[in-house]
PDB file of N, CA and C in Angstrom:
ATOM      1  N   UNK A   1       0.926  -1.031   0.116  1.00  0.00           N
ATOM      2  CA  UNK A   1      -0.017   0.069  -0.068  1.00  0.00           C
ATOM      3  C   UNK A   1       1.162   1.261   0.059  1.00  0.00           C
ATOM      4  N   UNK A   2       0.458   2.368  -1.057  1.00  0.00           N
ATOM      5  CA  UNK A   2       1.308   3.488  -0.780  1.00  0.00           C
ATOM      6  C   UNK A   2       0.713   4.291   0.000  1.00  0.00           C
ATOM      7  N   UNK A   3       1.901   4.945   0.756  1.00  0.00           N
ATOM      8  CA  UNK A   3       1.266   5.953   1.858  1.00  0.00           C
ATOM      9  C   UNK A   3       0.541   7.108   1.259  1.00  0.00           C
ATOM     10  N   UNK A   4      -0.753   7.283   1.660  1.00  0.00           N
ATOM     11  CA  UNK A   4      -1.853   8.198   1.597  1.00  0.00           C
ATOM     12  C   UNK A   4      -1.104   9.936   1.736  1.00  0.00           C
ATOM     13  N   UNK A   5      -0.462   9.931   2.625  1.00  0.00           N
ATOM     14  CA  UNK A   5       0.242  11.222   3.010  1.00  0.00           C
ATOM     15  C   UNK A   5       1.267  11.498   1.798  1.00  0.00           C
ATOM     16  N   UNK A   6       1.672  10.434   1.518  1.00  0.00           N
ATOM     17  CA  UNK A   6       2.774  10.730   0.299  1.00  0.00           C
ATOM     18  C   UNK A   6       1.864  11.218  -0.858  1.00  0.00           C
ATOM     19  N   UNK A   7       0.837  10.470  -1.349  1.00  0.00           N
ATOM     20  CA  UNK A   7      -0.077  10.629  -2.338  1.00  0.00           C
ATOM     21  C   UNK A   7      -0.564  12.089  -2.021  1.00  0.00           C
ATOM     22  N   UNK A   8      -1.028  12.799  -1.215  1.00  0.00           N
ATOM     23  CA  UNK A   8      -1.806  13.836  -0.853  1.00  0.00           C
ATOM     24  C   UNK A   8      -0.417  15.222  -1.019  1.00  0.00           C
ATOM     25  N   UNK A   9       0.835  14.679  -0.246  1.00  0.00           N
ATOM     26  CA  UNK A   9       1.892  15.730  -0.766  1.00  0.00           C
ATOM     27  C   UNK A   9       1.962  16.024  -2.197  1.00  0.00           C
ATOM     28  N   UNK A  10       2.159  15.052  -2.913  1.00  0.00           N
ATOM     29  CA  UNK A  10       2.579  15.226  -4.316  1.00  0.00           C
ATOM     30  C   UNK A  10       1.178  15.936  -5.036  1.00  0.00           C
ATOM     31  N   UNK A  11       0.058  15.790  -4.414  1.00  0.00           N
ATOM     32  CA  UNK A  11      -1.036  16.303  -5.164  1.00  0.00           C
ATOM     33  C   UNK A  11      -0.755  17.904  -4.658  1.00  0.00           C
ATOM     34  N   UNK A  12      -0.142  18.357  -3.642  1.00  0.00           N
ATOM     35  CA  UNK A  12      -0.045  19.660  -3.453  1.00  0.00           C
ATOM     36  C   UNK A  12       0.911  20.188  -3.766  1.00  0.00           C
ATOM     37  N   UNK A  13       1.979  19.955  -4.763  1.00  0.00           N
ATOM     38  CA  UNK A  13       2.736  20.460  -5.867  1.00  0.00           C
ATOM     39  C   UNK A  13       2.067  20.815  -7.229  1.00  0.00           C
ATOM     40  N   UNK A  14       0.673  20.501  -6.988  1.00  0.00           N
ATOM     41  CA  UNK A  14      -0.074  21.118  -8.326  1.00  0.00           C
ATOM     42  C   UNK A  14      -1.033  21.957  -8.147  1.00  0.00           C
ATOM     43  N   UNK A  15      -0.705  23.062  -8.797  1.00  0.00           N
ATOM     44  CA  UNK A  15      -1.087  24.741  -8.430  1.00  0.00           C
ATOM     45  C   UNK A  15      -2.274  24.942  -9.867  1.00  0.00           C
ATOM     46  N   UNK A  16      -3.069  25.446  -9.111  1.00  0.00           N
ATOM     47  CA  UNK A  16      -4.399  26.206 -10.228  1.00  0.00           C
ATOM     48  C   UNK A  16      -3.467  27.334 -10.734  1.00  0.00           C
ATOM     49  N   UNK A  17      -3.037  27.575 -11.729  1.00  0.00           N
ATOM     50  CA  UNK A  17      -2.221  28.412 -12.476  1.00  0.00           C
ATOM     51  C   UNK A  17      -2.717  29.976 -12.204  1.00  0.00           C
ATOM     52  N   UNK A  18      -3.946  29.985 -12.228  1.00  0.00           N
ATOM     53  CA  UNK A  18      -4.860  31.174 -11.888  1.00  0.00           C
ATOM     54  C   UNK A  18      -4.906  31.721 -10.790  1.00  0.00           C
ATOM     55  N   UNK A  19      -5.305  30.795  -9.874  1.00  0.00           N
ATOM     56  CA  UNK A  19      -5.125  30.998  -8.185  1.00  0.00           C
ATOM     57  C   UNK A  19      -3.924  31.148  -7.607  1.00  0.00           C
ATOM     58  N   UNK A  20      -3.152  30.170  -8.018  1.00  0.00           N
ATOM     59  CA  UNK A  20      -1.904  30.297  -7.490  1.00  0.00           C
ATOM     60  C   UNK A  20      -1.906  29.579  -6.004  1.00  0.00           C
ATOM     61  N   UNK A  21      -3.062  28.343  -5.854  1.00  0.00           N
ATOM     62  CA  UNK A  21      -3.233  27.878  -4.583  1.00  0.00           C
ATOM     63  C   UNK A  21      -3.573  26.272  -5.227  1.00  0.00           C
ATOM     64  N   UNK A  22      -2.658  25.318  -4.573  1.00  0.00           N
ATOM     65  CA  UNK A  22      -2.685  24.099  -5.123  1.00  0.00           C
ATOM     66  C   UNK A  22      -4.125  23.461  -5.141  1.00  0.00           C
ATOM     67  N   UNK A  23      -4.003  22.220  -5.507  1.00  0.00           N
ATOM     68  CA  UNK A  23      -5.221  21.434  -6.156  1.00  0.00           C
ATOM     69  C   UNK A  23      -6.084  20.856  -4.594  1.00  0.00           C
ATOM     70  N   UNK A  24      -5.313  20.340  -3.628  1.00  0.00           N
ATOM     71  CA  UNK A  24      -5.739  19.840  -2.610  1.00  0.00           C
ATOM     72  C   UNK A  24      -6.391  21.023  -1.761  1.00  0.00           C
ATOM     73  N   UNK A  25      -5.761  22.260  -1.644  1.00  0.00           N
ATOM     74  CA  UNK A  25      -6.456  23.164  -0.443  1.00  0.00           C
ATOM     75  C   UNK A  25      -7.473  24.142  -1.226  1.00  0.00           C
ATOM     76  N   UNK A  26      -7.426  24.049  -2.489  1.00  0.00           N
ATOM     77  CA  UNK A  26      -8.830  24.341  -3.291  1.00  0.00           C
ATOM     78  C   UNK A  26      -9.657  23.558  -3.173  1.00  0.00           C
ATOM     79  N   UNK A  27      -9.562  22.523  -2.541  1.00  0.00           N
ATOM     80  CA  UNK A  27     -10.581  21.326  -2.632  1.00  0.00           C
ATOM     81  C   UNK A  27     -11.353  20.935  -3.836  1.00  0.00           C
ATOM     82  N   UNK A  28     -10.296  20.839  -4.655  1.00  0.00           N
ATOM     83  CA  UNK A  28     -10.704  20.041  -6.235  1.00  0.00           C
ATOM     84  C   UNK A  28     -10.192  18.915  -6.265  1.00  0.00           C
ATOM     85  N   UNK A  29      -9.946  17.958  -5.347  1.00  0.00           N
ATOM     86  CA  UNK A  29      -9.586  16.759  -4.980  1.00  0.00           C
ATOM     87  C   UNK A  29     -10.615  16.001  -4.263  1.00  0.00           C
ATOM     88  N   UNK A  30     -11.392  14.988  -4.838  1.00  0.00           N
ATOM     89  CA  UNK A  30     -12.697  14.805  -4.449  1.00  0.00           C
ATOM     90  C   UNK A  30     -12.317  13.244  -3.673  1.00  0.00           C
ATOM     91  N   UNK A  31     -11.622  12.444  -4.503  1.00  0.00           N
ATOM     92  CA  UNK A  31     -11.071  11.306  -3.506  1.00  0.00           C
ATOM     93  C   UNK A  31      -9.766  10.853  -4.543  1.00  0.00           C
ATOM     94  N   UNK A  32      -9.089   9.864  -3.743  1.00  0.00           N
ATOM     95  CA  UNK A  32      -7.952   9.043  -4.100  1.00  0.00           C
ATOM     96  C   UNK A  32      -8.143   7.592  -3.746  1.00  0.00           C
ATOM     97  N   UNK A  33      -8.462   6.898  -4.735  1.00  0.00           N
ATOM     98  CA  UNK A  33      -8.351   5.575  -4.411  1.00  0.00           C
ATOM     99  C   UNK A  33      -7.072   4.620  -4.825  1.00  0.00           C
ATOM    100  N   UNK A  34      -6.733   3.741  -4.048  1.00  0.00           N
ATOM    101  CA  UNK A  34      -5.675   2.603  -4.710  1.00  0.00           C
ATOM    102  C   UNK A  34      -6.000   1.236  -4.760  1.00  0.00           C
ATOM    103  N   UNK A  35      -5.530   0.837  -5.805  1.00  0.00           N
ATOM    104  CA  UNK A  35      -5.798  -0.414  -6.240  1.00  0.00           C
ATOM    105  C   UNK A  35      -4.146  -1.256  -6.694  1.00  0.00           C
ATOM    106  N   UNK A  36      -3.615  -1.852  -5.641  1.00  0.00           N
ATOM    107  CA  UNK A  36      -2.360  -1.820  -6.031  1.00  0.00           C
ATOM    108  C   UNK A  36      -1.454  -0.655  -6.196  1.00  0.00           C
ATOM    109  N   UNK A  37      -0.765  -1.040  -7.057  1.00  0.00           N
ATOM    110  CA  UNK A  37      -0.124   0.785  -7.764  1.00  0.00           C
ATOM    111  C   UNK A  37      -0.708   1.298  -8.691  1.00  0.00           C
ATOM    112  N   UNK A  38      -2.287   0.989  -8.761  1.00  0.00           N
ATOM    113  CA  UNK A  38      -2.646   2.103  -9.596  1.00  0.00           C
ATOM    114  C   UNK A  38      -3.861   3.112  -9.015  1.00  0.00           C
ATOM    115  N   UNK A  39      -3.535   4.233  -9.298  1.00  0.00           N
ATOM    116  CA  UNK A  39      -4.152   5.547  -8.426  1.00  0.00           C
ATOM    117  C   UNK A  39      -5.175   5.848  -9.368  1.00  0.00           C
ATOM    118  N   UNK A  40      -6.238   6.161  -8.888  1.00  0.00           N
ATOM    119  CA  UNK A  40      -7.509   6.839  -9.381  1.00  0.00           C
ATOM    120  C   UNK A  40      -7.930   7.756  -8.657  1.00  0.00           C
ATOM    121  N   UNK A  41      -7.694   8.798  -9.253  1.00  0.00           N
ATOM    122  CA  UNK A  41      -8.255  10.459  -8.786  1.00  0.00           C
ATOM    123  C   UNK A  41      -9.493  10.751  -9.384  1.00  0.00           C
ATOM    124  N   UNK A  42     -10.514  11.079  -8.626  1.00  0.00           N
ATOM    125  CA  UNK A  42     -11.724  11.923  -8.875  1.00  0.00           C
ATOM    126  C   UNK A  42     -11.329  13.586  -8.179  1.00  0.00           C
ATOM    127  N   UNK A  43     -11.340  14.448  -9.569  1.00  0.00           N
ATOM    128  CA  UNK A  43     -11.128  15.683  -9.020  1.00  0.00           C
ATOM    129  C   UNK A  43     -12.145  16.578 -10.249  1.00  0.00           C
ATOM    130  N   UNK A  44     -12.400  17.584  -9.634  1.00  0.00           N
ATOM    131  CA  UNK A  44     -13.268  18.541 -10.324  1.00  0.00           C
ATOM    132  C   UNK A  44     -12.256  20.092 -10.762  1.00  0.00           C
ATOM    133  N   UNK A  45     -13.040  20.915 -11.242  1.00  0.00           N
ATOM    134  CA  UNK A  45     -12.468  22.297 -11.682  1.00  0.00           C
ATOM    135  C   UNK A  45     -13.247  23.620 -10.839  1.00  0.00           C
ATOM    136  N   UNK A  46     -12.940  24.578 -10.795  1.00  0.00           N
ATOM    137  CA  UNK A  46     -13.784  25.610 -10.160  1.00  0.00           C
ATOM    138  C   UNK A  46     -14.794  26.061 -11.093  1.00  0.00           C
ATOM    139  N   UNK A  47     -14.724  25.899 -12.294  1.00  0.00           N
ATOM    140  CA  UNK A  47     -15.751  26.166 -13.175  1.00  0.00           C
ATOM    141  C   UNK A  47     -15.836  24.995 -14.418  1.00  0.00           C
ATOM    142  N   UNK A  48     -16.819  24.650 -15.111  1.00  0.00           N
ATOM    143  CA  UNK A  48     -17.023  23.700 -15.722  1.00  0.00           C
ATOM    144  C   UNK A  48     -16.205  24.235 -17.468  1.00  0.00           C
ATOM    145  N   UNK A  49     -16.096  25.371 -17.585  1.00  0.00           N
ATOM    146  CA  UNK A  49     -15.522  25.767 -18.633  1.00  0.00           C
ATOM    147  C   UNK A  49     -14.078  26.373 -18.751  1.00  0.00           C
ATOM    148  N   UNK A  50     -13.315  25.583 -17.339  1.00  0.00           N
ATOM    149  CA  UNK A  50     -11.971  26.239 -17.149  1.00  0.00           C
ATOM    150  C   UNK A  50     -11.018  25.571 -18.161  1.00  0.00           C
ATOM    151  N   UNK A  51     -10.468  26.632 -18.889  1.00  0.00           N
ATOM    152  CA  UNK A  51      -9.661  26.209 -19.932  1.00  0.00           C
ATOM    153  C   UNK A  51      -8.513  25.452 -19.821  1.00  0.00           C
ATOM    154  N   UNK A  52      -7.943  25.398 -18.327  1.00  0.00           N
ATOM    155  CA  UNK A  52      -6.689  24.954 -18.142  1.00  0.00           C
ATOM    156  C   UNK A  52      -6.929  23.457 -17.473  1.00  0.00           C
ATOM    157  N   UNK A  53      -7.993  23.135 -17.731  1.00  0.00           N
ATOM    158  CA  UNK A  53      -8.547  21.627 -17.285  1.00  0.00           C
ATOM    159  C   UNK A  53      -7.491  20.428 -17.562  1.00  0.00           C
ATOM    160  N   UNK A  54      -7.241  20.376 -18.809  1.00  0.00           N
ATOM    161  CA  UNK A  54      -5.993  19.639 -19.492  1.00  0.00           C
ATOM    162  C   UNK A  54      -4.752  19.593 -18.891  1.00  0.00           C
ATOM    163  N   UNK A  55      -4.016  20.823 -18.374  1.00  0.00           N
ATOM    164  CA  UNK A  55      -2.982  20.889 -17.842  1.00  0.00           C
ATOM    165  C   UNK A  55      -3.072  20.563 -16.500  1.00  0.00           C
ATOM    166  N   UNK A  56      -4.120  20.838 -15.810  1.00  0.00           N
ATOM    167  CA  UNK A  56      -4.156  20.615 -14.376  1.00  0.00           C
ATOM    168  C   UNK A  56      -4.320  18.937 -14.277  1.00  0.00           C
ATOM    169  N   UNK A  57      -5.228  18.243 -14.954  1.00  0.00           N
ATOM    170  CA  UNK A  57      -5.345  16.801 -14.974  1.00  0.00           C
ATOM    171  C   UNK A  57      -3.738  16.355 -15.158  1.00  0.00           C
ATOM    172  N   UNK A  58      -3.196  16.927 -16.234  1.00  0.00           N
ATOM    173  CA  UNK A  58      -1.956  16.288 -16.812  1.00  0.00           C
ATOM    174  C   UNK A  58      -1.038  16.372 -15.473  1.00  0.00           C
ATOM    175  N   UNK A  59      -1.032  17.502 -14.766  1.00  0.00           N
ATOM    176  CA  UNK A  59      -0.053  17.737 -13.620  1.00  0.00           C
ATOM    177  C   UNK A  59      -0.446  17.099 -12.651  1.00  0.00           C
ATOM    178  N   UNK A  60      -1.636  16.734 -11.920  1.00  0.00           N
ATOM    179  CA  UNK A  60      -1.907  15.351 -11.244  1.00  0.00           C
ATOM    180  C   UNK A  60      -1.375  14.146 -11.365  1.00  0.00           C
ATOM    181  N   UNK A  61      -1.511  13.877 -12.577  1.00  0.00           N
ATOM    182  CA  UNK A  61      -0.916  12.664 -13.018  1.00  0.00           C
ATOM    183  C   UNK A  61       0.611  12.481 -13.040  1.00  0.00           C
ATOM    184  N   UNK A  62       1.088  13.578 -13.457  1.00  0.00           N
ATOM    185  CA  UNK A  62       2.730  13.759 -13.413  1.00  0.00           C
ATOM    186  C   UNK A  62       3.386  13.519 -11.949  1.00  0.00           C
ATOM    187  N   UNK A  63       2.312  14.383 -11.603  1.00  0.00           N
ATOM    188  CA  UNK A  63       2.877  14.461  -9.542  1.00  0.00           C
ATOM    189  C   UNK A  63       2.550  13.066  -8.943  1.00  0.00           C
ATOM    190  N   UNK A  64       1.925  12.282  -9.346  1.00  0.00           N
ATOM    191  CA  UNK A  64       1.416  11.048  -8.359  1.00  0.00           C
ATOM    192  C   UNK A  64       2.450  10.071  -9.214  1.00  0.00           C
ATOM    193  N   UNK A  65       2.589  10.259 -10.521  1.00  0.00           N
ATOM    194  CA  UNK A  65       3.814   9.209 -10.970  1.00  0.00           C
ATOM    195  C   UNK A  65       4.902   9.455 -10.451  1.00  0.00           C
ATOM    196  N   UNK A  66       5.597  10.048  -9.801  1.00  0.00           N
ATOM    197  CA  UNK A  66       6.462  10.314  -9.391  1.00  0.00           C
ATOM    198  C   UNK A  66       6.202  10.004  -7.552  1.00  0.00           C
ATOM    199  N   UNK A  67       5.651   9.267  -7.169  1.00  0.00           N
ATOM    200  CA  UNK A  67       5.362   8.997  -5.558  1.00  0.00           C
ATOM    201  C   UNK A  67       5.977   7.225  -6.138  1.00  0.00           C
ATOM    202  N   UNK A  68       6.840   6.740  -5.100  1.00  0.00           N
ATOM    203  CA  UNK A  68       7.133   5.645  -4.943  1.00  0.00           C
ATOM    204  C   UNK A  68       6.277   4.395  -4.932  1.00  0.00           C
ATOM    205  N   UNK A  69       6.257   3.438  -5.901  1.00  0.00           N
ATOM    206  CA  UNK A  69       4.991   2.403  -5.955  1.00  0.00           C
ATOM    207  C   UNK A  69       3.897   2.627  -6.754  1.00  0.00           C
ATOM    208  N   UNK A  70       3.778   4.050  -7.072  1.00  0.00           N
ATOM    209  CA  UNK A  70       2.922   4.142  -8.365  1.00  0.00           C
ATOM    210  C   UNK A  70       3.211   3.840  -9.796  1.00  0.00           C
ATOM    211  N   UNK A  71       2.399   2.944 -10.096  1.00  0.00           N
ATOM    212  CA  UNK A  71       2.439   2.361 -11.568  1.00  0.00           C
ATOM    213  C   UNK A  71       1.876   2.896 -12.501  1.00  0.00           C
ATOM    214  N   UNK A  72       0.410   3.279 -12.516  1.00  0.00           N
ATOM    215  CA  UNK A  72      -0.360   3.615 -13.303  1.00  0.00           C
ATOM    216  C   UNK A  72      -1.207   4.656 -12.478  1.00  0.00           C
ATOM    217  N   UNK A  73      -1.827   5.954 -12.908  1.00  0.00           N
ATOM    218  CA  UNK A  73      -2.626   6.746 -12.425  1.00  0.00           C
ATOM    219  C   UNK A  73      -3.835   7.284 -13.396  1.00  0.00           C
ATOM    220  N   UNK A  74      -5.061   7.175 -12.912  1.00  0.00           N
ATOM    221  CA  UNK A  74      -6.059   7.801 -13.922  1.00  0.00           C
ATOM    222  C   UNK A  74      -6.791   8.752 -13.040  1.00  0.00           C
ATOM    223  N   UNK A  75      -6.904   9.888 -13.913  1.00  0.00           N
ATOM    224  CA  UNK A  75      -7.397  10.953 -13.465  1.00  0.00           C
ATOM    225  C   UNK A  75      -8.932  11.226 -13.845  1.00  0.00           C
ATOM    226  N   UNK A  76      -9.827  11.200 -13.207  1.00  0.00           N
ATOM    227  CA  UNK A  76     -11.031  11.363 -13.498  1.00  0.00           C
ATOM    228  C   UNK A  76     -11.996  12.730 -13.461  1.00  0.00           C
ATOM    229  N   UNK A  77     -12.522  13.523 -14.375  1.00  0.00           N
ATOM    230  CA  UNK A  77     -13.006  14.833 -14.069  1.00  0.00           C
ATOM    231  C   UNK A  77     -14.506  14.640 -13.592  1.00  0.00           C
ATOM    232  N   UNK A  78     -14.995  15.113 -12.689  1.00  0.00           N
ATOM    233  CA  UNK A  78     -16.326  14.719 -12.163  1.00  0.00           C
ATOM    234  C   UNK A  78     -16.975  16.327 -12.089  1.00  0.00           C
ATOM    235  N   UNK A  79     -18.284  16.617 -11.976  1.00  0.00           N
ATOM    236  CA  UNK A  79     -18.817  17.744 -11.445  1.00  0.00           C
ATOM    237  C   UNK A  79     -19.823  17.461 -10.587  1.00  0.00           C
ATOM    238  N   UNK A  80     -20.101  16.260  -9.939  1.00  0.00           N
ATOM    239  CA  UNK A  80     -20.649  15.992  -8.961  1.00  0.00           C
ATOM    240  C   UNK A  80     -20.050  15.408  -7.842  1.00  0.00           C
ATOM    241  N   UNK A  81     -20.211  16.138  -6.638  1.00  0.00           N
ATOM    242  CA  UNK A  81     -20.783  17.386  -6.605  1.00  0.00           C
ATOM    243  C   UNK A  81     -20.063  18.861  -7.179  1.00  0.00           C
ATOM    244  N   UNK A  82     -20.624  19.581  -7.265  1.00  0.00           N
ATOM    245  CA  UNK A  82     -20.151  20.859  -8.069  1.00  0.00           C
ATOM    246  C   UNK A  82     -19.456  21.541  -6.604  1.00  0.00           C
ATOM    247  N   UNK A  83     -18.460  22.095  -7.104  1.00  0.00           N
ATOM    248  CA  UNK A  83     -17.217  22.598  -6.430  1.00  0.00           C
ATOM    249  C   UNK A  83     -17.894  23.998  -5.995  1.00  0.00           C
ATOM    250  N   UNK A  84     -17.756  24.210  -4.701  1.00  0.00           N
ATOM    251  CA  UNK A  84     -17.856  25.680  -4.433  1.00  0.00           C
ATOM    252  C   UNK A  84     -16.671  26.159  -3.278  1.00  0.00           C
ATOM    253  N   UNK A  85     -16.661  27.394  -3.013  1.00  0.00           N
ATOM    254  CA  UNK A  85     -15.591  28.158  -2.290  1.00  0.00           C
ATOM    255  C   UNK A  85     -15.680  27.421  -1.010  1.00  0.00           C
ATOM    256  N   UNK A  86     -16.617  26.716  -0.342  1.00  0.00           N
ATOM    257  CA  UNK A  86     -16.528  26.287   0.892  1.00  0.00           C
ATOM    258  C   UNK A  86     -15.583  24.941   1.048  1.00  0.00           C
ATOM    259  N   UNK A  87     -15.325  24.504   0.150  1.00  0.00           N
ATOM    260  CA  UNK A  87     -14.346  23.111  -0.031  1.00  0.00           C
ATOM    261  C   UNK A  87     -12.824  23.928   0.234  1.00  0.00           C
ATOM    262  N   UNK A  88     -12.888  25.117  -0.010  1.00  0.00           N
ATOM    263  CA  UNK A  88     -11.130  25.334   0.302  1.00  0.00           C
ATOM    264  C   UNK A  88     -10.580  25.269   1.551  1.00  0.00           C
ATOM    265  N   UNK A  89      -9.688  24.772   1.767  1.00  0.00           N
ATOM    266  CA  UNK A  89      -9.003  24.853   3.050  1.00  0.00           C
ATOM    267  C   UNK A  89      -8.698  25.870   3.953  1.00  0.00           C
ATOM    268  N   UNK A  90      -8.658  25.977   5.276  1.00  0.00           N
ATOM    269  CA  UNK A  90      -8.084  27.020   5.846  1.00  0.00           C
ATOM    270  C   UNK A  90      -6.697  27.491   5.259  1.00  0.00           C
ATOM    271  N   UNK A  91      -5.835  26.664   5.169  1.00  0.00           N
ATOM    272  CA  UNK A  91      -4.417  26.938   4.201  1.00  0.00           C
ATOM    273  C   UNK A  91      -4.707  27.757   2.751  1.00  0.00           C
ATOM    274  N   UNK A  92      -5.728  27.359   2.253  1.00  0.00           N
ATOM    275  CA  UNK A  92      -5.852  27.855   0.738  1.00  0.00           C
ATOM    276  C   UNK A  92      -6.508  29.032   1.169  1.00  0.00           C
ATOM    277  N   UNK A  93      -7.592  29.256   2.202  1.00  0.00           N
ATOM    278  CA  UNK A  93      -8.067  30.786   2.310  1.00  0.00           C
ATOM    279  C   UNK A  93      -6.938  31.883   2.659  1.00  0.00           C
ATOM    280  N   UNK A  94      -5.967  31.253   3.427  1.00  0.00           N
ATOM    281  CA  UNK A  94      -5.066  32.037   3.718  1.00  0.00           C
ATOM    282  C   UNK A  94      -4.219  32.503   2.658  1.00  0.00           C
ATOM    283  N   UNK A  95      -3.897  31.568   1.661  1.00  0.00           N
ATOM    284  CA  UNK A  95      -3.061  31.871   0.393  1.00  0.00           C
ATOM    285  C   UNK A  95      -3.863  32.578  -0.402  1.00  0.00           C
ATOM    286  N   UNK A  96      -5.244  32.675  -0.351  1.00  0.00           N
ATOM    287  CA  UNK A  96      -6.116  33.665  -1.185  1.00  0.00           C
ATOM    288  C   UNK A  96      -6.118  35.129  -0.548  1.00  0.00           C
ATOM    289  N   UNK A  97      -5.914  34.980   0.732  1.00  0.00           N
ATOM    290  CA  UNK A  97      -5.716  36.429   1.535  1.00  0.00           C
ATOM    291  C   UNK A  97      -7.217  36.457   2.012  1.00  0.00           C
ATOM    292  N   UNK A  98      -8.038  35.323   2.100  1.00  0.00           N
ATOM    293  CA  UNK A  98      -9.337  35.164   2.782  1.00  0.00           C
ATOM    294  C   UNK A  98      -9.103  35.293   4.088  1.00  0.00           C
ATOM    295  N   UNK A  99      -8.444  34.392   4.958  1.00  0.00           N
ATOM    296  CA  UNK A  99      -8.364  34.759   6.496  1.00  0.00           C
ATOM    297  C   UNK A  99      -7.078  35.137   6.936  1.00  0.00           C
ATOM    298  N   UNK A 100      -7.203  35.578   8.151  1.00  0.00           N
ATOM    299  CA  UNK A 100      -5.900  35.900   8.788  1.00  0.00           C
ATOM    300  C   UNK A 100      -5.268  34.903   9.512  1.00  0.00           C
TER     301      UNK A 100
END
């Protein structure tokens, strides 16, 4: 089993280029499942028309492929539940200047 903390740490290296906050703290990562060396990620975007979704999906895959033990990554883009700003973590809010 691959360390879940290592997977999440890798995902924190993937940033939304428009907002400058990582995908974990933005609340874009809905689920990370492991089946042996295969990792499946369910993630969303802040808006359905996000022009950067392909590069962000690729960034998630690239980040996870760098984790020891990961053999294959599948990133699924989902829209349910709909993303809202309430999903942003405290760290994300601080990075955006929304929290002290």
